[in-house]
Amino acid sequence: MELDEKELEEIRRRKLMDLQQRLLQEQEEAEARKREEMQRQVILRRILTPEARQRLANLKMVRPDFAAQLEAQLVQIAQQRLVKIPIDDDQLKDILRRLQEGKREIRIRRM
């Protein structure tokens, strides 16, 4: 029976170590995501006027997935110098219009 207890203790110890490693890895990934988000926000603050940032914040509340894609595209086009910086509200509206052109809008009407 002594051997069984030692085996159980070893199994518990290994499981605890695995759990600690997974927890540490998850924390590191969360920190990396947080750093990336902070960097993206710094870049957006630099390339957008306050009005354009407000429009983006409003969009983020309504359509967070679309806003995240838009943020990534804004950072990319700014880094490639495809637009004049800072991007004002009118330019952002134009970018939004161009992004929406290819998408079909689905409406549900109740009768």
PDB file of N, CA and C in Angstrom:
ATOM      1  N   MET A   1       0.802  -1.191   0.000  1.00  0.00           N
ATOM      2  CA  MET A   1       0.000   0.000   0.000  1.00  0.00           C
ATOM      3  C   MET A   1       0.850   1.262   0.000  1.00  0.00           C
ATOM      4  N   GLU A   2       1.987   1.199   0.551  1.00  0.00           N
ATOM      5  CA  GLU A   2       2.881   2.332   0.601  1.00  0.00           C
ATOM      6  C   GLU A   2       3.266   2.783  -0.810  1.00  0.00           C
ATOM      7  N   LEU A   3       3.462   1.849  -1.707  1.00  0.00           N
ATOM      8  CA  LEU A   3       3.813   2.151  -3.083  1.00  0.00           C
ATOM      9  C   LEU A   3       2.657   2.876  -3.778  1.00  0.00           C
ATOM     10  N   ASP A   4       1.431   2.455  -3.520  1.00  0.00           N
ATOM     11  CA  ASP A   4       0.270   3.100  -4.119  1.00  0.00           C
ATOM     12  C   ASP A   4       0.158   4.552  -3.671  1.00  0.00           C
ATOM     13  N   GLU A   5       0.417   4.811  -2.421  1.00  0.00           N
ATOM     14  CA  GLU A   5       0.350   6.180  -1.912  1.00  0.00           C
ATOM     15  C   GLU A   5       1.436   7.041  -2.542  1.00  0.00           C
ATOM     16  N   LYS A   6       2.619   6.469  -2.716  1.00  0.00           N
ATOM     17  CA  LYS A   6       3.704   7.211  -3.362  1.00  0.00           C
ATOM     18  C   LYS A   6       3.352   7.508  -4.818  1.00  0.00           C
ATOM     19  N   GLU A   7       2.759   6.528  -5.507  1.00  0.00           N
ATOM     20  CA  GLU A   7       2.350   6.744  -6.900  1.00  0.00           C
ATOM     21  C   GLU A   7       1.280   7.823  -6.994  1.00  0.00           C
ATOM     22  N   LEU A   8       0.304   7.744  -6.075  1.00  0.00           N
ATOM     23  CA  LEU A   8      -0.755   8.759  -6.065  1.00  0.00           C
ATOM     24  C   LEU A   8      -0.177  10.148  -5.804  1.00  0.00           C
ATOM     25  N   GLU A   9       0.733  10.240  -4.888  1.00  0.00           N
ATOM     26  CA  GLU A   9       1.359  11.524  -4.580  1.00  0.00           C
ATOM     27  C   GLU A   9       2.133  12.056  -5.779  1.00  0.00           C
ATOM     28  N   GLU A  10       2.826  11.173  -6.476  1.00  0.00           N
ATOM     29  CA  GLU A  10       3.572  11.576  -7.677  1.00  0.00           C
ATOM     30  C   GLU A  10       2.613  12.056  -8.767  1.00  0.00           C
ATOM     31  N   ILE A  11       1.507  11.363  -8.937  1.00  0.00           N
ATOM     32  CA  ILE A  11       0.499  11.759  -9.930  1.00  0.00           C
ATOM     33  C   ILE A  11      -0.072  13.131  -9.574  1.00  0.00           C
ATOM     34  N   ARG A  12      -0.393  13.321  -8.294  1.00  0.00           N
ATOM     35  CA  ARG A  12      -0.918  14.620  -7.834  1.00  0.00           C
ATOM     36  C   ARG A  12       0.098  15.732  -8.089  1.00  0.00           C
ATOM     37  N   ARG A  13       1.359  15.445  -7.787  1.00  0.00           N
ATOM     38  CA  ARG A  13       2.412  16.437  -7.963  1.00  0.00           C
ATOM     39  C   ARG A  13       2.543  16.819  -9.444  1.00  0.00           C
ATOM     40  N   ARG A  14       2.513  15.814 -10.329  1.00  0.00           N
ATOM     41  CA  ARG A  14       2.605  16.090 -11.768  1.00  0.00           C
ATOM     42  C   ARG A  14       1.412  16.899 -12.261  1.00  0.00           C
ATOM     43  N   LYS A  15       0.226  16.527 -11.795  1.00  0.00           N
ATOM     44  CA  LYS A  15      -0.973  17.268 -12.214  1.00  0.00           C
ATOM     45  C   LYS A  15      -0.911  18.712 -11.736  1.00  0.00           C
ATOM     46  N   LEU A  16      -0.441  18.910 -10.521  1.00  0.00           N
ATOM     47  CA  LEU A  16      -0.316  20.261  -9.981  1.00  0.00           C
ATOM     48  C   LEU A  16       0.697  21.066 -10.793  1.00  0.00           C
ATOM     49  N   MET A  17       1.808  20.452 -11.163  1.00  0.00           N
ATOM     50  CA  MET A  17       2.808  21.133 -11.976  1.00  0.00           C
ATOM     51  C   MET A  17       2.244  21.485 -13.356  1.00  0.00           C
ATOM     52  N   ASP A  18       1.504  20.556 -13.963  1.00  0.00           N
ATOM     53  CA  ASP A  18       0.884  20.824 -15.264  1.00  0.00           C
ATOM     54  C   ASP A  18      -0.100  21.979 -15.166  1.00  0.00           C
ATOM     55  N   LEU A  19      -0.894  21.976 -14.112  1.00  0.00           N
ATOM     56  CA  LEU A  19      -1.876  23.037 -13.905  1.00  0.00           C
ATOM     57  C   LEU A  19      -1.180  24.383 -13.714  1.00  0.00           C
ATOM     58  N   GLN A  20      -0.111  24.401 -12.942  1.00  0.00           N
ATOM     59  CA  GLN A  20       0.639  25.641 -12.729  1.00  0.00           C
ATOM     60  C   GLN A  20       1.254  26.141 -14.026  1.00  0.00           C
ATOM     61  N   GLN A  21       1.777  25.230 -14.841  1.00  0.00           N
ATOM     62  CA  GLN A  21       2.361  25.626 -16.121  1.00  0.00           C
ATOM     63  C   GLN A  21       1.305  26.192 -17.067  1.00  0.00           C
ATOM     64  N   ARG A  22       0.140  25.544 -17.109  1.00  0.00           N
ATOM     65  CA  ARG A  22      -0.944  26.051 -17.962  1.00  0.00           C
ATOM     66  C   ARG A  22      -1.399  27.425 -17.503  1.00  0.00           C
ATOM     67  N   LEU A  23      -1.520  27.603 -16.192  1.00  0.00           N
ATOM     68  CA  LEU A  23      -1.941  28.889 -15.642  1.00  0.00           C
ATOM     69  C   LEU A  23      -0.923  29.972 -15.982  1.00  0.00           C
ATOM     70  N   LEU A  24       0.344  29.672 -15.852  1.00  0.00           N
ATOM     71  CA  LEU A  24       1.396  30.625 -16.185  1.00  0.00           C
ATOM     72  C   LEU A  24       1.352  30.976 -17.668  1.00  0.00           C
ATOM     73  N   GLN A  25       1.165  29.972 -18.512  1.00  0.00           N
ATOM     74  CA  GLN A  25       1.088  30.208 -19.954  1.00  0.00           C
ATOM     75  C   GLN A  25      -0.118  31.088 -20.295  1.00  0.00           C
ATOM     76  N   GLU A  26      -1.258  30.827 -19.683  1.00  0.00           N
ATOM     77  CA  GLU A  26      -2.452  31.633 -19.932  1.00  0.00           C
ATOM     78  C   GLU A  26      -2.228  33.075 -19.492  1.00  0.00           C
ATOM     79  N   GLN A  27      -1.556  33.260 -18.363  1.00  0.00           N
ATOM     80  CA  GLN A  27      -1.275  34.611 -17.885  1.00  0.00           C
ATOM     81  C   GLN A  27      -0.348  35.343 -18.852  1.00  0.00           C
ATOM     82  N   GLU A  28       0.667  34.649 -19.352  1.00  0.00           N
ATOM     83  CA  GLU A  28       1.581  35.262 -20.307  1.00  0.00           C
ATOM     84  C   GLU A  28       0.859  35.637 -21.597  1.00  0.00           C
ATOM     85  N   GLU A  29      -0.030  34.767 -22.065  1.00  0.00           N
ATOM     86  CA  GLU A  29      -0.793  35.068 -23.276  1.00  0.00           C
ATOM     87  C   GLU A  29      -1.711  36.263 -23.058  1.00  0.00           C
ATOM     88  N   ALA A  30      -2.341  36.332 -21.890  1.00  0.00           N
ATOM     89  CA  ALA A  30      -3.223  37.459 -21.570  1.00  0.00           C
ATOM     90  C   ALA A  30      -2.424  38.758 -21.522  1.00  0.00           C
ATOM     91  N   GLU A  31      -1.234  38.716 -20.939  1.00  0.00           N
ATOM     92  CA  GLU A  31      -0.382  39.898 -20.890  1.00  0.00           C
ATOM     93  C   GLU A  31       0.051  40.317 -22.289  1.00  0.00           C
ATOM     94  N   ALA A  32       0.358  39.358 -23.136  1.00  0.00           N
ATOM     95  CA  ALA A  32       0.755  39.664 -24.511  1.00  0.00           C
ATOM     96  C   ALA A  32      -0.402  40.320 -25.269  1.00  0.00           C
ATOM     97  N   ARG A  33      -1.610  39.782 -25.098  1.00  0.00           N
ATOM     98  CA  ARG A  33      -2.787  40.388 -25.747  1.00  0.00           C
ATOM     99  C   ARG A  33      -3.004  41.805 -25.236  1.00  0.00           C
ATOM    100  N   LYS A  34      -2.817  41.998 -23.936  1.00  0.00           N
ATOM    101  CA  LYS A  34      -3.001  43.319 -23.346  1.00  0.00           C
ATOM    102  C   LYS A  34      -1.973  44.301 -23.898  1.00  0.00           C
ATOM    103  N   ARG A  35      -0.716  43.867 -24.034  1.00  0.00           N
ATOM    104  CA  ARG A  35       0.333  44.730 -24.596  1.00  0.00           C
ATOM    105  C   ARG A  35       0.010  45.093 -26.042  1.00  0.00           C
ATOM    106  N   GLU A  36      -0.437  44.106 -26.823  1.00  0.00           N
ATOM    107  CA  GLU A  36      -0.789  44.369 -28.224  1.00  0.00           C
ATOM    108  C   GLU A  36      -1.928  45.374 -28.321  1.00  0.00           C
ATOM    109  N   GLU A  37      -2.934  45.211 -27.457  1.00  0.00           N
ATOM    110  CA  GLU A  37      -4.069  46.134 -27.453  1.00  0.00           C
ATOM    111  C   GLU A  37      -3.611  47.543 -27.087  1.00  0.00           C
ATOM    112  N   MET A  38      -2.732  47.655 -26.106  1.00  0.00           N
ATOM    113  CA  MET A  38      -2.220  48.967 -25.708  1.00  0.00           C
ATOM    114  C   MET A  38      -1.440  49.610 -26.847  1.00  0.00           C
ATOM    115  N   GLN A  39      -0.620  48.826 -27.546  1.00  0.00           N
ATOM    116  CA  GLN A  39       0.139  49.353 -28.680  1.00  0.00           C
ATOM    117  C   GLN A  39      -0.796  49.825 -29.792  1.00  0.00           C
ATOM    118  N   ARG A  40      -1.844  49.027 -30.047  1.00  0.00           N
ATOM    119  CA  ARG A  40      -2.807  49.408 -31.086  1.00  0.00           C
ATOM    120  C   ARG A  40      -3.509  50.714 -30.704  1.00  0.00           C
ATOM    121  N   GLN A  41      -3.872  50.852 -29.432  1.00  0.00           N
ATOM    122  CA  GLN A  41      -4.542  52.074 -28.990  1.00  0.00           C
ATOM    123  C   GLN A  41      -3.628  53.289 -29.105  1.00  0.00           C
ATOM    124  N   VAL A  42      -2.345  53.125 -28.809  1.00  0.00           N
ATOM    125  CA  VAL A  42      -1.391  54.222 -28.953  1.00  0.00           C
ATOM    126  C   VAL A  42      -1.305  54.652 -30.416  1.00  0.00           C
ATOM    127  N   ILE A  43      -1.217  53.680 -31.302  1.00  0.00           N
ATOM    128  CA  ILE A  43      -1.140  53.989 -32.729  1.00  0.00           C
ATOM    129  C   ILE A  43      -2.425  54.678 -33.189  1.00  0.00           C
ATOM    130  N   LEU A  44      -3.581  54.153 -32.761  1.00  0.00           N
ATOM    131  CA  LEU A  44      -4.850  54.757 -33.172  1.00  0.00           C
ATOM    132  C   LEU A  44      -4.971  56.184 -32.633  1.00  0.00           C
ATOM    133  N   ARG A  45      -4.509  56.408 -31.415  1.00  0.00           N
ATOM    134  CA  ARG A  45      -4.554  57.749 -30.831  1.00  0.00           C
ATOM    135  C   ARG A  45      -3.698  58.710 -31.661  1.00  0.00           C
ATOM    136  N   ARG A  46      -2.612  58.187 -32.205  1.00  0.00           N
ATOM    137  CA  ARG A  46      -1.715  59.018 -32.992  1.00  0.00           C
ATOM    138  C   ARG A  46      -2.255  59.288 -34.400  1.00  0.00           C
ATOM    139  N   ILE A  47      -2.969  58.324 -34.985  1.00  0.00           N
ATOM    140  CA  ILE A  47      -3.385  58.481 -36.391  1.00  0.00           C
ATOM    141  C   ILE A  47      -4.816  58.986 -36.558  1.00  0.00           C
ATOM    142  N   LEU A  48      -5.619  59.013 -35.486  1.00  0.00           N
ATOM    143  CA  LEU A  48      -7.008  59.461 -35.605  1.00  0.00           C
ATOM    144  C   LEU A  48      -7.228  60.766 -34.843  1.00  0.00           C
ATOM    145  N   THR A  49      -8.065  61.618 -35.409  1.00  0.00           N
ATOM    146  CA  THR A  49      -8.467  62.821 -34.686  1.00  0.00           C
ATOM    147  C   THR A  49      -9.419  62.408 -33.565  1.00  0.00           C
ATOM    148  N   PRO A  50      -9.636  63.281 -32.587  1.00  0.00           N
ATOM    149  CA  PRO A  50     -10.564  62.932 -31.494  1.00  0.00           C
ATOM    150  C   PRO A  50     -11.971  62.555 -31.988  1.00  0.00           C
ATOM    151  N   GLU A  51     -12.459  63.247 -33.006  1.00  0.00           N
ATOM    152  CA  GLU A  51     -13.794  62.939 -33.536  1.00  0.00           C
ATOM    153  C   GLU A  51     -13.817  61.554 -34.171  1.00  0.00           C
ATOM    154  N   ALA A  52     -12.772  61.220 -34.900  1.00  0.00           N
ATOM    155  CA  ALA A  52     -12.703  59.899 -35.539  1.00  0.00           C
ATOM    156  C   ALA A  52     -12.576  58.802 -34.472  1.00  0.00           C
ATOM    157  N   ARG A  53     -11.806  59.076 -33.420  1.00  0.00           N
ATOM    158  CA  ARG A  53     -11.693  58.093 -32.329  1.00  0.00           C
ATOM    159  C   ARG A  53     -13.038  57.877 -31.651  1.00  0.00           C
ATOM    160  N   GLN A  54     -13.817  58.951 -31.497  1.00  0.00           N
ATOM    161  CA  GLN A  54     -15.143  58.822 -30.886  1.00  0.00           C
ATOM    162  C   GLN A  54     -16.063  57.986 -31.768  1.00  0.00           C
ATOM    163  N   ARG A  55     -16.000  58.217 -33.079  1.00  0.00           N
ATOM    164  CA  ARG A  55     -16.827  57.423 -34.003  1.00  0.00           C
ATOM    165  C   ARG A  55     -16.431  55.947 -33.910  1.00  0.00           C
ATOM    166  N   LEU A  56     -15.139  55.675 -33.838  1.00  0.00           N
ATOM    167  CA  LEU A  56     -14.657  54.303 -33.719  1.00  0.00           C
ATOM    168  C   LEU A  56     -15.116  53.681 -32.395  1.00  0.00           C
ATOM    169  N   ALA A  57     -15.082  54.459 -31.322  1.00  0.00           N
ATOM    170  CA  ALA A  57     -15.546  53.963 -30.015  1.00  0.00           C
ATOM    171  C   ALA A  57     -17.040  53.641 -30.063  1.00  0.00           C
ATOM    172  N   ASN A  58     -17.820  54.489 -30.724  1.00  0.00           N
ATOM    173  CA  ASN A  58     -19.257  54.224 -30.868  1.00  0.00           C
ATOM    174  C   ASN A  58     -19.490  52.948 -31.668  1.00  0.00           C
ATOM    175  N   LEU A  59     -18.726  52.796 -32.729  1.00  0.00           N
ATOM    176  CA  LEU A  59     -18.842  51.598 -33.559  1.00  0.00           C
ATOM    177  C   LEU A  59     -18.467  50.354 -32.761  1.00  0.00           C
ATOM    178  N   LYS A  60     -17.464  50.486 -31.925  1.00  0.00           N
ATOM    179  CA  LYS A  60     -16.998  49.351 -31.115  1.00  0.00           C
ATOM    180  C   LYS A  60     -18.088  48.879 -30.155  1.00  0.00           C
ATOM    181  N   MET A  61     -18.901  49.799 -29.663  1.00  0.00           N
ATOM    182  CA  MET A  61     -20.001  49.413 -28.763  1.00  0.00           C
ATOM    183  C   MET A  61     -21.083  48.640 -29.504  1.00  0.00           C
ATOM    184  N   VAL A  62     -21.332  49.012 -30.756  1.00  0.00           N
ATOM    185  CA  VAL A  62     -22.407  48.404 -31.523  1.00  0.00           C
ATOM    186  C   VAL A  62     -21.950  47.130 -32.238  1.00  0.00           C
ATOM    187  N   ARG A  63     -20.774  47.203 -32.848  1.00  0.00           N
ATOM    188  CA  ARG A  63     -20.255  46.071 -33.624  1.00  0.00           C
ATOM    189  C   ARG A  63     -18.781  45.841 -33.286  1.00  0.00           C
ATOM    190  N   PRO A  64     -18.508  45.206 -32.146  1.00  0.00           N
ATOM    191  CA  PRO A  64     -17.120  45.053 -31.696  1.00  0.00           C
ATOM    192  C   PRO A  64     -16.224  44.276 -32.668  1.00  0.00           C
ATOM    193  N   ASP A  65     -16.751  43.253 -33.313  1.00  0.00           N
ATOM    194  CA  ASP A  65     -15.940  42.473 -34.255  1.00  0.00           C
ATOM    195  C   ASP A  65     -15.541  43.316 -35.461  1.00  0.00           C
ATOM    196  N   PHE A  66     -16.505  44.031 -36.000  1.00  0.00           N
ATOM    197  CA  PHE A  66     -16.242  44.887 -37.153  1.00  0.00           C
ATOM    198  C   PHE A  66     -15.259  45.992 -36.774  1.00  0.00           C
ATOM    199  N   ALA A  67     -15.428  46.570 -35.593  1.00  0.00           N
ATOM    200  CA  ALA A  67     -14.528  47.636 -35.132  1.00  0.00           C
ATOM    201  C   ALA A  67     -13.104  47.119 -34.977  1.00  0.00           C
ATOM    202  N   ALA A  68     -12.952  45.904 -34.493  1.00  0.00           N
ATOM    203  CA  ALA A  68     -11.615  45.318 -34.340  1.00  0.00           C
ATOM    204  C   ALA A  68     -10.953  45.146 -35.705  1.00  0.00           C
ATOM    205  N   GLN A  69     -11.722  44.691 -36.695  1.00  0.00           N
ATOM    206  CA  GLN A  69     -11.183  44.555 -38.051  1.00  0.00           C
ATOM    207  C   GLN A  69     -10.808  45.924 -38.618  1.00  0.00           C
ATOM    208  N   LEU A  70     -11.663  46.898 -38.369  1.00  0.00           N
ATOM    209  CA  LEU A  70     -11.406  48.254 -38.852  1.00  0.00           C
ATOM    210  C   LEU A  70     -10.142  48.816 -38.214  1.00  0.00           C
ATOM    211  N   GLU A  71      -9.978  48.610 -36.909  1.00  0.00           N
ATOM    212  CA  GLU A  71      -8.780  49.091 -36.225  1.00  0.00           C
ATOM    213  C   GLU A  71      -7.526  48.485 -36.855  1.00  0.00           C
ATOM    214  N   ALA A  72      -7.564  47.191 -37.108  1.00  0.00           N
ATOM    215  CA  ALA A  72      -6.412  46.518 -37.711  1.00  0.00           C
ATOM    216  C   ALA A  72      -6.116  47.109 -39.094  1.00  0.00           C
ATOM    217  N   GLN A  73      -7.158  47.365 -39.864  1.00  0.00           N
ATOM    218  CA  GLN A  73      -6.955  47.938 -41.197  1.00  0.00           C
ATOM    219  C   GLN A  73      -6.432  49.365 -41.116  1.00  0.00           C
ATOM    220  N   LEU A  74      -6.928  50.137 -40.160  1.00  0.00           N
ATOM    221  CA  LEU A  74      -6.462  51.513 -40.006  1.00  0.00           C
ATOM    222  C   LEU A  74      -4.980  51.547 -39.656  1.00  0.00           C
ATOM    223  N   VAL A  75      -4.581  50.681 -38.748  1.00  0.00           N
ATOM    224  CA  VAL A  75      -3.164  50.608 -38.372  1.00  0.00           C
ATOM    225  C   VAL A  75      -2.325  50.221 -39.589  1.00  0.00           C
ATOM    226  N   GLN A  76      -2.814  49.248 -40.337  1.00  0.00           N
ATOM    227  CA  GLN A  76      -2.070  48.779 -41.506  1.00  0.00           C
ATOM    228  C   GLN A  76      -1.942  49.869 -42.571  1.00  0.00           C
ATOM    229  N   ILE A  77      -3.040  50.533 -42.903  1.00  0.00           N
ATOM    230  CA  ILE A  77      -2.947  51.554 -43.956  1.00  0.00           C
ATOM    231  C   ILE A  77      -2.138  52.761 -43.486  1.00  0.00           C
ATOM    232  N   ALA A  78      -2.153  53.037 -42.193  1.00  0.00           N
ATOM    233  CA  ALA A  78      -1.339  54.134 -41.671  1.00  0.00           C
ATOM    234  C   ALA A  78       0.140  53.772 -41.733  1.00  0.00           C
ATOM    235  N   GLN A  79       0.464  52.532 -41.407  1.00  0.00           N
ATOM    236  CA  GLN A  79       1.865  52.096 -41.457  1.00  0.00           C
ATOM    237  C   GLN A  79       2.387  52.073 -42.886  1.00  0.00           C
ATOM    238  N   GLN A  80       1.509  51.757 -43.829  1.00  0.00           N
ATOM    239  CA  GLN A  80       1.904  51.735 -45.242  1.00  0.00           C
ATOM    240  C   GLN A  80       1.827  53.120 -45.877  1.00  0.00           C
ATOM    241  N   ARG A  81       1.395  54.099 -45.080  1.00  0.00           N
ATOM    242  CA  ARG A  81       1.274  55.496 -45.520  1.00  0.00           C
ATOM    243  C   ARG A  81       0.353  55.634 -46.734  1.00  0.00           C
ATOM    244  N   LEU A  82      -0.759  54.914 -46.687  1.00  0.00           N
ATOM    245  CA  LEU A  82      -1.725  54.982 -47.790  1.00  0.00           C
ATOM    246  C   LEU A  82      -2.732  56.112 -47.605  1.00  0.00           C
ATOM    247  N   VAL A  83      -2.760  56.701 -46.415  1.00  0.00           N
ATOM    248  CA  VAL A  83      -3.683  57.811 -46.144  1.00  0.00           C
ATOM    249  C   VAL A  83      -2.925  58.927 -45.446  1.00  0.00           C
ATOM    250  N   LYS A  84      -3.509  60.109 -45.510  1.00  0.00           N
ATOM    251  CA  LYS A  84      -2.934  61.256 -44.828  1.00  0.00           C
ATOM    252  C   LYS A  84      -3.235  61.140 -43.329  1.00  0.00           C
ATOM    253  N   ILE A  85      -2.241  61.381 -42.514  1.00  0.00           N
ATOM    254  CA  ILE A  85      -2.413  61.281 -41.061  1.00  0.00           C
ATOM    255  C   ILE A  85      -2.397  62.685 -40.495  1.00  0.00           C
ATOM    256  N   PRO A  86      -3.242  63.039 -39.581  1.00  0.00           N
ATOM    257  CA  PRO A  86      -4.221  62.198 -38.905  1.00  0.00           C
ATOM    258  C   PRO A  86      -5.476  61.999 -39.751  1.00  0.00           C
ATOM    259  N   ILE A  87      -6.119  60.863 -39.527  1.00  0.00           N
ATOM    260  CA  ILE A  87      -7.358  60.532 -40.220  1.00  0.00           C
ATOM    261  C   ILE A  87      -8.490  61.240 -39.484  1.00  0.00           C
ATOM    262  N   ASP A  88      -9.201  62.095 -40.206  1.00  0.00           N
ATOM    263  CA  ASP A  88     -10.304  62.813 -39.558  1.00  0.00           C
ATOM    264  C   ASP A  88     -11.612  62.029 -39.700  1.00  0.00           C
ATOM    265  N   ASP A  89     -12.651  62.584 -39.113  1.00  0.00           N
ATOM    266  CA  ASP A  89     -13.941  61.895 -39.082  1.00  0.00           C
ATOM    267  C   ASP A  89     -14.488  61.654 -40.483  1.00  0.00           C
ATOM    268  N   ASP A  90     -14.331  62.625 -41.382  1.00  0.00           N
ATOM    269  CA  ASP A  90     -14.833  62.459 -42.751  1.00  0.00           C
ATOM    270  C   ASP A  90     -14.092  61.342 -43.487  1.00  0.00           C
ATOM    271  N   GLN A  91     -12.781  61.269 -43.302  1.00  0.00           N
ATOM    272  CA  GLN A  91     -12.016  60.190 -43.930  1.00  0.00           C
ATOM    273  C   GLN A  91     -12.450  58.836 -43.367  1.00  0.00           C
ATOM    274  N   LEU A  92     -12.675  58.788 -42.055  1.00  0.00           N
ATOM    275  CA  LEU A  92     -13.111  57.531 -41.434  1.00  0.00           C
ATOM    276  C   LEU A  92     -14.474  57.111 -41.971  1.00  0.00           C
ATOM    277  N   LYS A  93     -15.383  58.082 -42.127  1.00  0.00           N
ATOM    278  CA  LYS A  93     -16.695  57.772 -42.709  1.00  0.00           C
ATOM    279  C   LYS A  93     -16.535  57.195 -44.111  1.00  0.00           C
ATOM    280  N   ASP A  94     -15.628  57.792 -44.895  1.00  0.00           N
ATOM    281  CA  ASP A  94     -15.389  57.314 -46.252  1.00  0.00           C
ATOM    282  C   ASP A  94     -14.851  55.885 -46.233  1.00  0.00           C
ATOM    283  N   ILE A  95     -13.922  55.605 -45.342  1.00  0.00           N
ATOM    284  CA  ILE A  95     -13.377  54.247 -45.204  1.00  0.00           C
ATOM    285  C   ILE A  95     -14.486  53.284 -44.820  1.00  0.00           C
ATOM    286  N   LEU A  96     -15.336  53.692 -43.890  1.00  0.00           N
ATOM    287  CA  LEU A  96     -16.463  52.836 -43.470  1.00  0.00           C
ATOM    288  C   LEU A  96     -17.415  52.574 -44.634  1.00  0.00           C
ATOM    289  N   ARG A  97     -17.703  53.610 -45.415  1.00  0.00           N
ATOM    290  CA  ARG A  97     -18.592  53.430 -46.576  1.00  0.00           C
ATOM    291  C   ARG A  97     -18.007  52.417 -47.555  1.00  0.00           C
ATOM    292  N   ARG A  98     -16.708  52.538 -47.817  1.00  0.00           N
ATOM    293  CA  ARG A  98     -16.074  51.610 -48.749  1.00  0.00           C
ATOM    294  C   ARG A  98     -16.091  50.174 -48.219  1.00  0.00           C
ATOM    295  N   LEU A  99     -15.922  50.029 -46.924  1.00  0.00           N
ATOM    296  CA  LEU A  99     -15.963  48.685 -46.341  1.00  0.00           C
ATOM    297  C   LEU A  99     -17.366  48.093 -46.391  1.00  0.00           C
ATOM    298  N   GLN A 100     -18.379  48.940 -46.288  1.00  0.00           N
ATOM    299  CA  GLN A 100     -19.762  48.470 -46.265  1.00  0.00           C
ATOM    300  C   GLN A 100     -20.322  48.209 -47.658  1.00  0.00           C
ATOM    301  N   GLU A 101     -19.692  48.764 -48.690  1.00  0.00           N
ATOM    302  CA  GLU A 101     -20.220  48.613 -50.046  1.00  0.00           C
ATOM    303  C   GLU A 101     -20.390  47.160 -50.452  1.00  0.00           C
ATOM    304  N   GLY A 102     -19.447  46.334 -50.124  1.00  0.00           N
ATOM    305  CA  GLY A 102     -19.501  44.943 -50.547  1.00  0.00           C
ATOM    306  C   GLY A 102     -20.395  44.072 -49.697  1.00  0.00           C
ATOM    307  N   LYS A 103     -20.893  44.600 -48.622  1.00  0.00           N
ATOM    308  CA  LYS A 103     -21.700  43.776 -47.719  1.00  0.00           C
ATOM    309  C   LYS A 103     -23.181  44.005 -47.968  1.00  0.00           C
ATOM    310  N   ARG A 104     -23.916  42.922 -47.922  1.00  0.00           N
ATOM    311  CA  ARG A 104     -25.361  43.002 -48.078  1.00  0.00           C
ATOM    312  C   ARG A 104     -25.992  43.216 -46.722  1.00  0.00           C
ATOM    313  N   GLU A 105     -26.952  44.054 -46.673  1.00  0.00           N
ATOM    314  CA  GLU A 105     -27.651  44.291 -45.411  1.00  0.00           C
ATOM    315  C   GLU A 105     -28.898  43.407 -45.375  1.00  0.00           C
ATOM    316  N   ILE A 106     -29.072  42.722 -44.283  1.00  0.00           N
ATOM    317  CA  ILE A 106     -30.223  41.841 -44.115  1.00  0.00           C
ATOM    318  C   ILE A 106     -31.201  42.520 -43.168  1.00  0.00           C
ATOM    319  N   ARG A 107     -32.414  42.654 -43.620  1.00  0.00           N
ATOM    320  CA  ARG A 107     -33.446  43.254 -42.777  1.00  0.00           C
ATOM    321  C   ARG A 107     -34.585  42.271 -42.621  1.00  0.00           C
ATOM    322  N   ILE A 108     -35.095  42.240 -41.433  1.00  0.00           N
ATOM    323  CA  ILE A 108     -36.241  41.365 -41.145  1.00  0.00           C
ATOM    324  C   ILE A 108     -37.436  42.257 -40.871  1.00  0.00           C
ATOM    325  N   ARG A 109     -38.502  42.039 -41.624  1.00  0.00           N
ATOM    326  CA  ARG A 109     -39.728  42.816 -41.411  1.00  0.00           C
ATOM    327  C   ARG A 109     -40.803  41.915 -40.865  1.00  0.00           C
ATOM    328  N   ARG A 110     -41.469  42.389 -39.878  1.00  0.00           N
ATOM    329  CA  ARG A 110     -42.591  41.646 -39.332  1.00  0.00           C
ATOM    330  C   ARG A 110     -43.866  42.102 -40.015  1.00  0.00           C
ATOM    331  N   MET A 111     -44.693  41.140 -40.326  1.00  0.00           N
ATOM    332  CA  MET A 111     -45.941  41.486 -41.012  1.00  0.00           C
ATOM    333  C   MET A 111     -47.119  41.145 -40.147  1.00  0.00           C
TER     334      MET A 111
END
